[in-house]
Amino acid sequence: MSKYFITMKKSFFLLHIAILLAGITGIFGKLINLNEVLITFYRMLFAGIILIFLSFFIQKSKQKKSFRELLRIGGVGLLLGLHWIFFYGSIKYSNISVGVVCFCLAGFFTAILEPLITQKKSFSF
């Protein structure tokens, strides 16, 4: 087998895993009786605890972050939190398939809008 074929096979497998995880997340979001804000809060709380654990106990070099870097990280966290609130809200108010389709369209719209915003070509033939 060629190297290209093996890479494509691995990418195809990872794509299926990502779709499966997105679908399972949607199913759990529909089955949990909490509202979308509380689901997102607990999800981000657990992720934050895990990241703090990984940062402090596993990381070899301790690097101090400037206040500006911490603000940027917090801004990204805020956007991610809003993303999850809207994802779980779309599942609660419609159904799982609509929520997962909208979730997966984020990559499509990023690929379309990024070259327009950054004024760079994303690929060339």
PDB file of N, CA and C in Angstrom:
ATOM      1  N   MET A   1       0.831  -1.182   0.000  1.00  0.00           N
ATOM      2  CA  MET A   1       0.000   0.000   0.000  1.00  0.00           C
ATOM      3  C   MET A   1       0.871   1.239   0.000  1.00  0.00           C
ATOM      4  N   SER A   2       0.361   2.255  -0.647  1.00  0.00           N
ATOM      5  CA  SER A   2       1.129   3.495  -0.686  1.00  0.00           C
ATOM      6  C   SER A   2       0.934   4.291   0.599  1.00  0.00           C
ATOM      7  N   LYS A   3       1.874   5.186   0.842  1.00  0.00           N
ATOM      8  CA  LYS A   3       1.821   6.025   2.034  1.00  0.00           C
ATOM      9  C   LYS A   3       0.585   6.925   2.005  1.00  0.00           C
ATOM     10  N   TYR A   4       0.212   7.405   0.808  1.00  0.00           N
ATOM     11  CA  TYR A   4      -0.961   8.255   0.655  1.00  0.00           C
ATOM     12  C   TYR A   4      -2.230   7.506   1.057  1.00  0.00           C
ATOM     13  N   PHE A   5      -2.349   6.257   0.660  1.00  0.00           N
ATOM     14  CA  PHE A   5      -3.533   5.466   0.969  1.00  0.00           C
ATOM     15  C   PHE A   5      -3.654   5.231   2.479  1.00  0.00           C
ATOM     16  N   ILE A   6      -2.535   4.966   3.134  1.00  0.00           N
ATOM     17  CA  ILE A   6      -2.554   4.740   4.583  1.00  0.00           C
ATOM     18  C   ILE A   6      -2.956   6.024   5.308  1.00  0.00           C
ATOM     19  N   THR A   7      -2.446   7.165   4.864  1.00  0.00           N
ATOM     20  CA  THR A   7      -2.807   8.438   5.470  1.00  0.00           C
ATOM     21  C   THR A   7      -4.290   8.725   5.275  1.00  0.00           C
ATOM     22  N   MET A   8      -4.815   8.449   4.079  1.00  0.00           N
ATOM     23  CA  MET A   8      -6.241   8.659   3.820  1.00  0.00           C
ATOM     24  C   MET A   8      -7.095   7.741   4.682  1.00  0.00           C
ATOM     25  N   LYS A   9      -6.658   6.511   4.841  1.00  0.00           N
ATOM     26  CA  LYS A   9      -7.405   5.553   5.656  1.00  0.00           C
ATOM     27  C   LYS A   9      -7.449   6.001   7.115  1.00  0.00           C
ATOM     28  N   LYS A  10      -6.332   6.486   7.624  1.00  0.00           N
ATOM     29  CA  LYS A  10      -6.276   6.974   9.006  1.00  0.00           C
ATOM     30  C   LYS A  10      -7.170   8.200   9.170  1.00  0.00           C
ATOM     31  N   SER A  11      -7.110   9.131   8.222  1.00  0.00           N
ATOM     32  CA  SER A  11      -7.940  10.332   8.290  1.00  0.00           C
ATOM     33  C   SER A  11      -9.421   9.976   8.219  1.00  0.00           C
ATOM     34  N   PHE A  12      -9.774   9.034   7.377  1.00  0.00           N
ATOM     35  CA  PHE A  12     -11.162   8.596   7.256  1.00  0.00           C
ATOM     36  C   PHE A  12     -11.635   7.964   8.562  1.00  0.00           C
ATOM     37  N   PHE A  13     -10.789   7.175   9.194  1.00  0.00           N
ATOM     38  CA  PHE A  13     -11.118   6.571  10.487  1.00  0.00           C
ATOM     39  C   PHE A  13     -11.312   7.638  11.558  1.00  0.00           C
ATOM     40  N   LEU A  14     -10.411   8.621  11.622  1.00  0.00           N
ATOM     41  CA  LEU A  14     -10.524   9.695  12.609  1.00  0.00           C
ATOM     42  C   LEU A  14     -11.771  10.544  12.377  1.00  0.00           C
ATOM     43  N   LEU A  15     -12.148  10.740  11.119  1.00  0.00           N
ATOM     44  CA  LEU A  15     -13.370  11.471  10.812  1.00  0.00           C
ATOM     45  C   LEU A  15     -14.591  10.737  11.353  1.00  0.00           C
ATOM     46  N   HIS A  16     -14.616   9.427  11.188  1.00  0.00           N
ATOM     47  CA  HIS A  16     -15.735   8.634  11.711  1.00  0.00           C
ATOM     48  C   HIS A  16     -15.775   8.666  13.237  1.00  0.00           C
ATOM     49  N   ILE A  17     -14.631   8.639  13.877  1.00  0.00           N
ATOM     50  CA  ILE A  17     -14.587   8.739  15.341  1.00  0.00           C
ATOM     51  C   ILE A  17     -15.132  10.091  15.789  1.00  0.00           C
ATOM     52  N   ALA A  18     -14.751  11.174  15.103  1.00  0.00           N
ATOM     53  CA  ALA A  18     -15.235  12.511  15.454  1.00  0.00           C
ATOM     54  C   ALA A  18     -16.751  12.608  15.291  1.00  0.00           C
ATOM     55  N   ILE A  19     -17.285  12.036  14.230  1.00  0.00           N
ATOM     56  CA  ILE A  19     -18.736  12.050  14.009  1.00  0.00           C
ATOM     57  C   ILE A  19     -19.439  11.231  15.081  1.00  0.00           C
ATOM     58  N   LEU A  20     -18.882  10.101  15.439  1.00  0.00           N
ATOM     59  CA  LEU A  20     -19.464   9.274  16.488  1.00  0.00           C
ATOM     60  C   LEU A  20     -19.465  10.010  17.831  1.00  0.00           C
ATOM     61  N   LEU A  21     -18.369  10.667  18.167  1.00  0.00           N
ATOM     62  CA  LEU A  21     -18.312  11.419  19.425  1.00  0.00           C
ATOM     63  C   LEU A  21     -19.295  12.586  19.435  1.00  0.00           C
ATOM     64  N   ALA A  22     -19.435  13.275  18.299  1.00  0.00           N
ATOM     65  CA  ALA A  22     -20.397  14.379  18.227  1.00  0.00           C
ATOM     66  C   ALA A  22     -21.821  13.861  18.400  1.00  0.00           C
ATOM     67  N   GLY A  23     -22.126  12.725  17.805  1.00  0.00           N
ATOM     68  CA  GLY A  23     -23.459  12.144  17.951  1.00  0.00           C
ATOM     69  C   GLY A  23     -23.740  11.694  19.369  1.00  0.00           C
ATOM     70  N   ILE A  24     -22.756  11.076  20.000  1.00  0.00           N
ATOM     71  CA  ILE A  24     -22.934  10.629  21.386  1.00  0.00           C
ATOM     72  C   ILE A  24     -23.099  11.827  22.314  1.00  0.00           C
ATOM     73  N   THR A  25     -22.346  12.902  22.064  1.00  0.00           N
ATOM     74  CA  THR A  25     -22.499  14.114  22.855  1.00  0.00           C
ATOM     75  C   THR A  25     -23.910  14.664  22.717  1.00  0.00           C
ATOM     76  N   GLY A  26     -24.440  14.628  21.505  1.00  0.00           N
ATOM     77  CA  GLY A  26     -25.805  15.085  21.285  1.00  0.00           C
ATOM     78  C   GLY A  26     -26.830  14.226  22.004  1.00  0.00           C
ATOM     79  N   ILE A  27     -26.639  12.919  21.985  1.00  0.00           N
ATOM     80  CA  ILE A  27     -27.567  12.019  22.674  1.00  0.00           C
ATOM     81  C   ILE A  27     -27.539  12.270  24.173  1.00  0.00           C
ATOM     82  N   PHE A  28     -26.340  12.388  24.744  1.00  0.00           N
ATOM     83  CA  PHE A  28     -26.246  12.679  26.175  1.00  0.00           C
ATOM     84  C   PHE A  28     -26.862  14.036  26.511  1.00  0.00           C
ATOM     85  N   GLY A  29     -26.677  15.019  25.636  1.00  0.00           N
ATOM     86  CA  GLY A  29     -27.265  16.334  25.862  1.00  0.00           C
ATOM     87  C   GLY A  29     -28.780  16.294  25.865  1.00  0.00           C
ATOM     88  N   LYS A  30     -29.353  15.426  25.056  1.00  0.00           N
ATOM     89  CA  LYS A  30     -30.813  15.292  25.015  1.00  0.00           C
ATOM     90  C   LYS A  30     -31.333  14.530  26.236  1.00  0.00           C
ATOM     91  N   LEU A  31     -30.581  13.547  26.689  1.00  0.00           N
ATOM     92  CA  LEU A  31     -31.037  12.710  27.800  1.00  0.00           C
ATOM     93  C   LEU A  31     -30.867  13.372  29.164  1.00  0.00           C
ATOM     94  N   ILE A  32     -29.898  14.263  29.305  1.00  0.00           N
ATOM     95  CA  ILE A  32     -29.661  14.919  30.589  1.00  0.00           C
ATOM     96  C   ILE A  32     -30.753  15.955  30.808  1.00  0.00           C
ATOM     97  N   ASN A  33     -31.329  15.973  32.004  1.00  0.00           N
ATOM     98  CA  ASN A  33     -32.465  16.849  32.294  1.00  0.00           C
ATOM     99  C   ASN A  33     -32.071  18.259  32.722  1.00  0.00           C
ATOM    100  N   LEU A  34     -30.809  18.592  32.713  1.00  0.00           N
ATOM    101  CA  LEU A  34     -30.375  19.953  33.051  1.00  0.00           C
ATOM    102  C   LEU A  34     -30.529  20.855  31.832  1.00  0.00           C
ATOM    103  N   ASN A  35     -30.590  22.175  32.066  1.00  0.00           N
ATOM    104  CA  ASN A  35     -30.644  23.076  30.914  1.00  0.00           C
ATOM    105  C   ASN A  35     -29.244  23.213  30.309  1.00  0.00           C
ATOM    106  N   GLU A  36     -29.184  23.862  29.144  1.00  0.00           N
ATOM    107  CA  GLU A  36     -27.926  23.903  28.387  1.00  0.00           C
ATOM    108  C   GLU A  36     -26.827  24.676  29.102  1.00  0.00           C
ATOM    109  N   VAL A  37     -27.171  25.671  29.906  1.00  0.00           N
ATOM    110  CA  VAL A  37     -26.149  26.447  30.626  1.00  0.00           C
ATOM    111  C   VAL A  37     -25.486  25.584  31.698  1.00  0.00           C
ATOM    112  N   LEU A  38     -26.282  24.819  32.450  1.00  0.00           N
ATOM    113  CA  LEU A  38     -25.714  23.965  33.495  1.00  0.00           C
ATOM    114  C   LEU A  38     -24.903  22.807  32.913  1.00  0.00           C
ATOM    115  N   ILE A  39     -25.376  22.229  31.811  1.00  0.00           N
ATOM    116  CA  ILE A  39     -24.596  21.160  31.166  1.00  0.00           C
ATOM    117  C   ILE A  39     -23.227  21.703  30.746  1.00  0.00           C
ATOM    118  N   THR A  40     -23.229  22.883  30.134  1.00  0.00           N
ATOM    119  CA  THR A  40     -21.970  23.486  29.689  1.00  0.00           C
ATOM    120  C   THR A  40     -21.090  23.848  30.869  1.00  0.00           C
ATOM    121  N   PHE A  41     -21.687  24.371  31.947  1.00  0.00           N
ATOM    122  CA  PHE A  41     -20.909  24.727  33.131  1.00  0.00           C
ATOM    123  C   PHE A  41     -20.197  23.504  33.693  1.00  0.00           C
ATOM    124  N   TYR A  42     -20.913  22.404  33.885  1.00  0.00           N
ATOM    125  CA  TYR A  42     -20.279  21.209  34.444  1.00  0.00           C
ATOM    126  C   TYR A  42     -19.262  20.609  33.484  1.00  0.00           C
ATOM    127  N   ARG A  43     -19.557  20.658  32.192  1.00  0.00           N
ATOM    128  CA  ARG A  43     -18.609  20.148  31.199  1.00  0.00           C
ATOM    129  C   ARG A  43     -17.306  20.942  31.250  1.00  0.00           C
ATOM    130  N   MET A  44     -17.404  22.267  31.304  1.00  0.00           N
ATOM    131  CA  MET A  44     -16.205  23.100  31.339  1.00  0.00           C
ATOM    132  C   MET A  44     -15.508  23.031  32.693  1.00  0.00           C
ATOM    133  N   LEU A  45     -16.269  22.811  33.766  1.00  0.00           N
ATOM    134  CA  LEU A  45     -15.664  22.644  35.088  1.00  0.00           C
ATOM    135  C   LEU A  45     -14.774  21.401  35.113  1.00  0.00           C
ATOM    136  N   PHE A  46     -15.301  20.285  34.621  1.00  0.00           N
ATOM    137  CA  PHE A  46     -14.501  19.057  34.591  1.00  0.00           C
ATOM    138  C   PHE A  46     -13.292  19.200  33.668  1.00  0.00           C
ATOM    139  N   ALA A  47     -13.483  19.831  32.511  1.00  0.00           N
ATOM    140  CA  ALA A  47     -12.362  20.040  31.592  1.00  0.00           C
ATOM    141  C   ALA A  47     -11.310  20.948  32.215  1.00  0.00           C
ATOM    142  N   GLY A  48     -11.742  21.996  32.920  1.00  0.00           N
ATOM    143  CA  GLY A  48     -10.797  22.894  33.578  1.00  0.00           C
ATOM    144  C   GLY A  48      -9.996  22.196  34.655  1.00  0.00           C
ATOM    145  N   ILE A  49     -10.662  21.362  35.453  1.00  0.00           N
ATOM    146  CA  ILE A  49      -9.952  20.609  36.498  1.00  0.00           C
ATOM    147  C   ILE A  49      -8.921  19.677  35.883  1.00  0.00           C
ATOM    148  N   ILE A  50      -9.302  18.991  34.821  1.00  0.00           N
ATOM    149  CA  ILE A  50      -8.369  18.077  34.155  1.00  0.00           C
ATOM    150  C   ILE A  50      -7.192  18.848  33.562  1.00  0.00           C
ATOM    151  N   LEU A  51      -7.459  19.996  32.924  1.00  0.00           N
ATOM    152  CA  LEU A  51      -6.371  20.779  32.340  1.00  0.00           C
ATOM    153  C   LEU A  51      -5.442  21.357  33.396  1.00  0.00           C
ATOM    154  N   ILE A  52      -5.992  21.788  34.517  1.00  0.00           N
ATOM    155  CA  ILE A  52      -5.150  22.281  35.613  1.00  0.00           C
ATOM    156  C   ILE A  52      -4.272  21.151  36.140  1.00  0.00           C
ATOM    157  N   PHE A  53      -4.853  19.967  36.297  1.00  0.00           N
ATOM    158  CA  PHE A  53      -4.073  18.819  36.746  1.00  0.00           C
ATOM    159  C   PHE A  53      -2.943  18.526  35.768  1.00  0.00           C
ATOM    160  N   LEU A  54      -3.266  18.491  34.487  1.00  0.00           N
ATOM    161  CA  LEU A  54      -2.229  18.213  33.490  1.00  0.00           C
ATOM    162  C   LEU A  54      -1.178  19.315  33.463  1.00  0.00           C
ATOM    163  N   SER A  55      -1.604  20.554  33.632  1.00  0.00           N
ATOM    164  CA  SER A  55      -0.679  21.673  33.573  1.00  0.00           C
ATOM    165  C   SER A  55       0.293  21.682  34.745  1.00  0.00           C
ATOM    166  N   PHE A  56      -0.211  21.441  35.941  1.00  0.00           N
ATOM    167  CA  PHE A  56       0.641  21.564  37.124  1.00  0.00           C
ATOM    168  C   PHE A  56       1.418  20.306  37.469  1.00  0.00           C
ATOM    169  N   PHE A  57       0.861  19.142  37.215  1.00  0.00           N
ATOM    170  CA  PHE A  57       1.501  17.925  37.684  1.00  0.00           C
ATOM    171  C   PHE A  57       2.260  17.157  36.620  1.00  0.00           C
ATOM    172  N   ILE A  58       1.970  17.384  35.365  1.00  0.00           N
ATOM    173  CA  ILE A  58       2.643  16.621  34.326  1.00  0.00           C
ATOM    174  C   ILE A  58       3.638  17.475  33.556  1.00  0.00           C
ATOM    175  N   GLN A  59       3.345  18.755  33.390  1.00  0.00           N
ATOM    176  CA  GLN A  59       4.207  19.638  32.618  1.00  0.00           C
ATOM    177  C   GLN A  59       5.569  19.792  33.292  1.00  0.00           C
ATOM    178  N   LYS A  60       6.619  19.639  32.524  1.00  0.00           N
ATOM    179  CA  LYS A  60       7.977  19.707  33.067  1.00  0.00           C
ATOM    180  C   LYS A  60       8.390  21.145  33.385  1.00  0.00           C
ATOM    181  N   SER A  61       8.226  22.057  32.437  1.00  0.00           N
ATOM    182  CA  SER A  61       8.683  23.428  32.649  1.00  0.00           C
ATOM    183  C   SER A  61       7.494  24.304  33.039  1.00  0.00           C
ATOM    184  N   LYS A  62       7.684  25.083  34.077  1.00  0.00           N
ATOM    185  CA  LYS A  62       6.646  25.998  34.536  1.00  0.00           C
ATOM    186  C   LYS A  62       6.864  27.345  33.857  1.00  0.00           C
ATOM    187  N   GLN A  63       5.916  27.752  33.040  1.00  0.00           N
ATOM    188  CA  GLN A  63       6.022  29.029  32.358  1.00  0.00           C
ATOM    189  C   GLN A  63       4.937  29.958  32.881  1.00  0.00           C
ATOM    190  N   LYS A  64       5.319  31.175  33.213  1.00  0.00           N
ATOM    191  CA  LYS A  64       4.356  32.182  33.654  1.00  0.00           C
ATOM    192  C   LYS A  64       3.695  32.790  32.429  1.00  0.00           C
ATOM    193  N   LYS A  65       2.405  32.988  32.508  1.00  0.00           N
ATOM    194  CA  LYS A  65       1.660  33.625  31.435  1.00  0.00           C
ATOM    195  C   LYS A  65       1.439  35.090  31.805  1.00  0.00           C
ATOM    196  N   SER A  66       1.539  35.950  30.805  1.00  0.00           N
ATOM    197  CA  SER A  66       1.270  37.361  31.058  1.00  0.00           C
ATOM    198  C   SER A  66      -0.242  37.564  31.185  1.00  0.00           C
ATOM    199  N   PHE A  67      -0.614  38.723  31.718  1.00  0.00           N
ATOM    200  CA  PHE A  67      -2.031  39.023  31.902  1.00  0.00           C
ATOM    201  C   PHE A  67      -2.754  39.061  30.561  1.00  0.00           C
ATOM    202  N   ARG A  68      -2.095  39.561  29.525  1.00  0.00           N
ATOM    203  CA  ARG A  68      -2.693  39.618  28.186  1.00  0.00           C
ATOM    204  C   ARG A  68      -2.934  38.210  27.642  1.00  0.00           C
ATOM    205  N   GLU A  69      -1.992  37.316  27.830  1.00  0.00           N
ATOM    206  CA  GLU A  69      -2.176  35.933  27.381  1.00  0.00           C
ATOM    207  C   GLU A  69      -3.324  35.261  28.127  1.00  0.00           C
ATOM    208  N   LEU A  70      -3.428  35.515  29.430  1.00  0.00           N
ATOM    209  CA  LEU A  70      -4.529  34.956  30.210  1.00  0.00           C
ATOM    210  C   LEU A  70      -5.875  35.492  29.740  1.00  0.00           C
ATOM    211  N   LEU A  71      -5.930  36.782  29.361  1.00  0.00           N
ATOM    212  CA  LEU A  71      -7.165  37.340  28.822  1.00  0.00           C
ATOM    213  C   LEU A  71      -7.541  36.685  27.496  1.00  0.00           C
ATOM    214  N   ARG A  72      -6.561  36.445  26.650  1.00  0.00           N
ATOM    215  CA  ARG A  72      -6.830  35.788  25.362  1.00  0.00           C
ATOM    216  C   ARG A  72      -7.310  34.357  25.571  1.00  0.00           C
ATOM    217  N   ILE A  73      -6.696  33.648  26.490  1.00  0.00           N
ATOM    218  CA  ILE A  73      -7.125  32.282  26.793  1.00  0.00           C
ATOM    219  C   ILE A  73      -8.546  32.296  27.353  1.00  0.00           C
ATOM    220  N   GLY A  74      -8.824  33.258  28.234  1.00  0.00           N
ATOM    221  CA  GLY A  74     -10.172  33.386  28.778  1.00  0.00           C
ATOM    222  C   GLY A  74     -11.201  33.723  27.711  1.00  0.00           C
ATOM    223  N   GLY A  75     -10.820  34.557  26.744  1.00  0.00           N
ATOM    224  CA  GLY A  75     -11.715  34.892  25.636  1.00  0.00           C
ATOM    225  C   GLY A  75     -12.048  33.684  24.782  1.00  0.00           C
ATOM    226  N   VAL A  76     -11.041  32.871  24.517  1.00  0.00           N
ATOM    227  CA  VAL A  76     -11.277  31.642  23.765  1.00  0.00           C
ATOM    228  C   VAL A  76     -12.179  30.703  24.556  1.00  0.00           C
ATOM    229  N   GLY A  77     -11.954  30.630  25.869  1.00  0.00           N
ATOM    230  CA  GLY A  77     -12.819  29.805  26.714  1.00  0.00           C
ATOM    231  C   GLY A  77     -14.253  30.298  26.721  1.00  0.00           C
ATOM    232  N   LEU A  78     -14.437  31.622  26.717  1.00  0.00           N
ATOM    233  CA  LEU A  78     -15.784  32.192  26.671  1.00  0.00           C
ATOM    234  C   LEU A  78     -16.478  31.846  25.360  1.00  0.00           C
ATOM    235  N   LEU A  79     -15.756  31.981  24.245  1.00  0.00           N
ATOM    236  CA  LEU A  79     -16.337  31.605  22.956  1.00  0.00           C
ATOM    237  C   LEU A  79     -16.679  30.122  22.896  1.00  0.00           C
ATOM    238  N   LEU A  80     -15.808  29.299  23.442  1.00  0.00           N
ATOM    239  CA  LEU A  80     -16.074  27.867  23.455  1.00  0.00           C
ATOM    240  C   LEU A  80     -17.287  27.537  24.324  1.00  0.00           C
ATOM    241  N   GLY A  81     -17.400  28.215  25.461  1.00  0.00           N
ATOM    242  CA  GLY A  81     -18.560  28.006  26.317  1.00  0.00           C
ATOM    243  C   GLY A  81     -19.859  28.406  25.631  1.00  0.00           C
ATOM    244  N   LEU A  82     -19.855  29.562  24.947  1.00  0.00           N
ATOM    245  CA  LEU A  82     -21.042  29.974  24.198  1.00  0.00           C
ATOM    246  C   LEU A  82     -21.383  28.975  23.100  1.00  0.00           C
ATOM    247  N   HIS A  83     -20.346  28.450  22.465  1.00  0.00           N
ATOM    248  CA  HIS A  83     -20.558  27.440  21.424  1.00  0.00           C
ATOM    249  C   HIS A  83     -21.288  26.227  21.988  1.00  0.00           C
ATOM    250  N   TRP A  84     -20.856  25.743  23.146  1.00  0.00           N
ATOM    251  CA  TRP A  84     -21.489  24.565  23.741  1.00  0.00           C
ATOM    252  C   TRP A  84     -22.894  24.881  24.240  1.00  0.00           C
ATOM    253  N   ILE A  85     -23.122  26.088  24.759  1.00  0.00           N
ATOM    254  CA  ILE A  85     -24.472  26.462  25.181  1.00  0.00           C
ATOM    255  C   ILE A  85     -25.420  26.445  23.987  1.00  0.00           C
ATOM    256  N   PHE A  86     -24.995  27.023  22.873  1.00  0.00           N
ATOM    257  CA  PHE A  86     -25.848  27.022  21.688  1.00  0.00           C
ATOM    258  C   PHE A  86     -26.034  25.619  21.120  1.00  0.00           C
ATOM    259  N   PHE A  87     -24.998  24.784  21.189  1.00  0.00           N
ATOM    260  CA  PHE A  87     -25.109  23.401  20.718  1.00  0.00           C
ATOM    261  C   PHE A  87     -26.145  22.637  21.534  1.00  0.00           C
ATOM    262  N   TYR A  88     -26.021  22.688  22.857  1.00  0.00           N
ATOM    263  CA  TYR A  88     -26.984  21.975  23.694  1.00  0.00           C
ATOM    264  C   TYR A  88     -28.369  22.606  23.618  1.00  0.00           C
ATOM    265  N   GLY A  89     -28.441  23.920  23.436  1.00  0.00           N
ATOM    266  CA  GLY A  89     -29.737  24.567  23.259  1.00  0.00           C
ATOM    267  C   GLY A  89     -30.427  24.110  21.994  1.00  0.00           C
ATOM    268  N   SER A  90     -29.668  23.971  20.906  1.00  0.00           N
ATOM    269  CA  SER A  90     -30.278  23.504  19.658  1.00  0.00           C
ATOM    270  C   SER A  90     -30.766  22.071  19.786  1.00  0.00           C
ATOM    271  N   ILE A  91     -30.087  21.266  20.573  1.00  0.00           N
ATOM    272  CA  ILE A  91     -30.530  19.888  20.790  1.00  0.00           C
ATOM    273  C   ILE A  91     -31.770  19.853  21.673  1.00  0.00           C
ATOM    274  N   LYS A  92     -31.791  20.686  22.715  1.00  0.00           N
ATOM    275  CA  LYS A  92     -32.941  20.697  23.626  1.00  0.00           C
ATOM    276  C   LYS A  92     -34.203  21.191  22.922  1.00  0.00           C
ATOM    277  N   TYR A  93     -34.074  22.197  22.051  1.00  0.00           N
ATOM    278  CA  TYR A  93     -35.253  22.812  21.454  1.00  0.00           C
ATOM    279  C   TYR A  93     -35.642  22.204  20.114  1.00  0.00           C
ATOM    280  N   SER A  94     -34.782  21.430  19.484  1.00  0.00           N
ATOM    281  CA  SER A  94     -35.173  20.764  18.239  1.00  0.00           C
ATOM    282  C   SER A  94     -34.953  19.267  18.414  1.00  0.00           C
ATOM    283  N   ASN A  95     -33.974  18.717  17.741  1.00  0.00           N
ATOM    284  CA  ASN A  95     -33.636  17.311  17.945  1.00  0.00           C
ATOM    285  C   ASN A  95     -32.137  17.109  17.750  1.00  0.00           C
ATOM    286  N   ILE A  96     -31.698  15.891  17.983  1.00  0.00           N
ATOM    287  CA  ILE A  96     -30.262  15.599  17.977  1.00  0.00           C
ATOM    288  C   ILE A  96     -29.661  15.785  16.590  1.00  0.00           C
ATOM    289  N   SER A  97     -30.357  15.364  15.560  1.00  0.00           N
ATOM    290  CA  SER A  97     -29.776  15.430  14.217  1.00  0.00           C
ATOM    291  C   SER A  97     -29.547  16.871  13.777  1.00  0.00           C
ATOM    292  N   VAL A  98     -30.472  17.781  14.092  1.00  0.00           N
ATOM    293  CA  VAL A  98     -30.281  19.190  13.737  1.00  0.00           C
ATOM    294  C   VAL A  98     -29.081  19.770  14.486  1.00  0.00           C
ATOM    295  N   GLY A  99     -28.958  19.456  15.765  1.00  0.00           N
ATOM    296  CA  GLY A  99     -27.839  19.953  16.550  1.00  0.00           C
ATOM    297  C   GLY A  99     -26.497  19.456  16.050  1.00  0.00           C
ATOM    298  N   VAL A 100     -26.417  18.174  15.706  1.00  0.00           N
ATOM    299  CA  VAL A 100     -25.150  17.607  15.245  1.00  0.00           C
ATOM    300  C   VAL A 100     -24.796  18.123  13.858  1.00  0.00           C
ATOM    301  N   VAL A 101     -25.786  18.301  12.988  1.00  0.00           N
ATOM    302  CA  VAL A 101     -25.509  18.848  11.660  1.00  0.00           C
ATOM    303  C   VAL A 101     -24.979  20.276  11.784  1.00  0.00           C
ATOM    304  N   CYS A 102     -25.608  21.086  12.634  1.00  0.00           N
ATOM    305  CA  CYS A 102     -25.116  22.458  12.843  1.00  0.00           C
ATOM    306  C   CYS A 102     -23.721  22.452  13.450  1.00  0.00           C
ATOM    307  N   PHE A 103     -23.463  21.520  14.354  1.00  0.00           N
ATOM    308  CA  PHE A 103     -22.151  21.384  14.976  1.00  0.00           C
ATOM    309  C   PHE A 103     -21.092  21.067  13.920  1.00  0.00           C
ATOM    310  N   CYS A 104     -21.413  20.162  13.025  1.00  0.00           N
ATOM    311  CA  CYS A 104     -20.446  19.752  12.003  1.00  0.00           C
ATOM    312  C   CYS A 104     -20.272  20.795  10.910  1.00  0.00           C
ATOM    313  N   LEU A 105     -21.241  21.675  10.730  1.00  0.00           N
ATOM    314  CA  LEU A 105     -21.107  22.722   9.723  1.00  0.00           C
ATOM    315  C   LEU A 105     -20.121  23.812  10.126  1.00  0.00           C
ATOM    316  N   ALA A 106     -19.716  23.830  11.384  1.00  0.00           N
ATOM    317  CA  ALA A 106     -18.769  24.844  11.842  1.00  0.00           C
ATOM    318  C   ALA A 106     -17.458  24.750  11.058  1.00  0.00           C
ATOM    319  N   GLY A 107     -16.963  23.554  10.816  1.00  0.00           N
ATOM    320  CA  GLY A 107     -15.734  23.382  10.031  1.00  0.00           C
ATOM    321  C   GLY A 107     -15.899  23.851   8.596  1.00  0.00           C
ATOM    322  N   PHE A 108     -17.070  23.592   8.030  1.00  0.00           N
ATOM    323  CA  PHE A 108     -17.346  24.022   6.662  1.00  0.00           C
ATOM    324  C   PHE A 108     -17.332  25.544   6.558  1.00  0.00           C
ATOM    325  N   PHE A 109     -18.042  26.211   7.470  1.00  0.00           N
ATOM    326  CA  PHE A 109     -18.082  27.667   7.420  1.00  0.00           C
ATOM    327  C   PHE A 109     -16.729  28.283   7.754  1.00  0.00           C
ATOM    328  N   THR A 110     -15.943  27.637   8.594  1.00  0.00           N
ATOM    329  CA  THR A 110     -14.595  28.125   8.872  1.00  0.00           C
ATOM    330  C   THR A 110     -13.742  28.060   7.611  1.00  0.00           C
ATOM    331  N   ALA A 111     -13.853  26.968   6.865  1.00  0.00           N
ATOM    332  CA  ALA A 111     -13.074  26.828   5.637  1.00  0.00           C
ATOM    333  C   ALA A 111     -13.491  27.858   4.591  1.00  0.00           C
ATOM    334  N   ILE A 112     -14.756  28.231   4.581  1.00  0.00           N
ATOM    335  CA  ILE A 112     -15.231  29.221   3.612  1.00  0.00           C
ATOM    336  C   ILE A 112     -14.861  30.644   4.051  1.00  0.00           C
ATOM    337  N   LEU A 113     -15.046  30.954   5.334  1.00  0.00           N
ATOM    338  CA  LEU A 113     -14.892  32.330   5.801  1.00  0.00           C
ATOM    339  C   LEU A 113     -13.452  32.719   6.143  1.00  0.00           C
ATOM    340  N   GLU A 114     -12.609  31.769   6.526  1.00  0.00           N
ATOM    341  CA  GLU A 114     -11.238  32.116   6.922  1.00  0.00           C
ATOM    342  C   GLU A 114     -10.464  32.820   5.815  1.00  0.00           C
ATOM    343  N   PRO A 115     -10.470  32.323   4.571  1.00  0.00           N
ATOM    344  CA  PRO A 115      -9.728  33.052   3.529  1.00  0.00           C
ATOM    345  C   PRO A 115     -10.289  34.454   3.273  1.00  0.00           C
ATOM    346  N   LEU A 116     -11.594  34.626   3.450  1.00  0.00           N
ATOM    347  CA  LEU A 116     -12.184  35.949   3.253  1.00  0.00           C
ATOM    348  C   LEU A 116     -11.771  36.921   4.352  1.00  0.00           C
ATOM    349  N   ILE A 117     -11.662  36.425   5.584  1.00  0.00           N
ATOM    350  CA  ILE A 117     -11.309  37.289   6.706  1.00  0.00           C
ATOM    351  C   ILE A 117      -9.816  37.585   6.731  1.00  0.00           C
ATOM    352  N   THR A 118      -8.984  36.560   6.512  1.00  0.00           N
ATOM    353  CA  THR A 118      -7.530  36.749   6.597  1.00  0.00           C
ATOM    354  C   THR A 118      -6.898  37.236   5.301  1.00  0.00           C
ATOM    355  N   GLN A 119      -7.661  37.285   4.226  1.00  0.00           N
ATOM    356  CA  GLN A 119      -7.170  37.726   2.918  1.00  0.00           C
ATOM    357  C   GLN A 119      -6.026  36.865   2.401  1.00  0.00           C
ATOM    358  N   LYS A 120      -6.045  35.565   2.726  1.00  0.00           N
ATOM    359  CA  LYS A 120      -5.027  34.625   2.255  1.00  0.00           C
ATOM    360  C   LYS A 120      -5.712  33.495   1.513  1.00  0.00           C
ATOM    361  N   LYS A 121      -4.983  32.904   0.577  1.00  0.00           N
ATOM    362  CA  LYS A 121      -5.499  31.726  -0.095  1.00  0.00           C
ATOM    363  C   LYS A 121      -5.378  30.545   0.845  1.00  0.00           C
ATOM    364  N   SER A 122      -6.432  29.734   0.916  1.00  0.00           N
ATOM    365  CA  SER A 122      -6.354  28.568   1.793  1.00  0.00           C
ATOM    366  C   SER A 122      -5.685  27.400   1.092  1.00  0.00           C
ATOM    367  N   PHE A 123      -5.770  27.348  -0.232  1.00  0.00           N
ATOM    368  CA  PHE A 123      -5.112  26.284  -0.986  1.00  0.00           C
ATOM    369  C   PHE A 123      -4.936  26.767  -2.415  1.00  0.00           C
ATOM    370  N   SER A 124      -4.094  26.089  -3.132  1.00  0.00           N
ATOM    371  CA  SER A 124      -3.924  26.410  -4.556  1.00  0.00           C
ATOM    372  C   SER A 124      -3.788  25.114  -5.323  1.00  0.00           C
ATOM    373  N   PHE A 125      -4.171  25.152  -6.571  1.00  0.00           N
ATOM    374  CA  PHE A 125      -4.112  23.952  -7.413  1.00  0.00           C
ATOM    375  C   PHE A 125      -2.852  23.919  -8.217  1.00  0.00           C
TER     376      PHE A 125
END
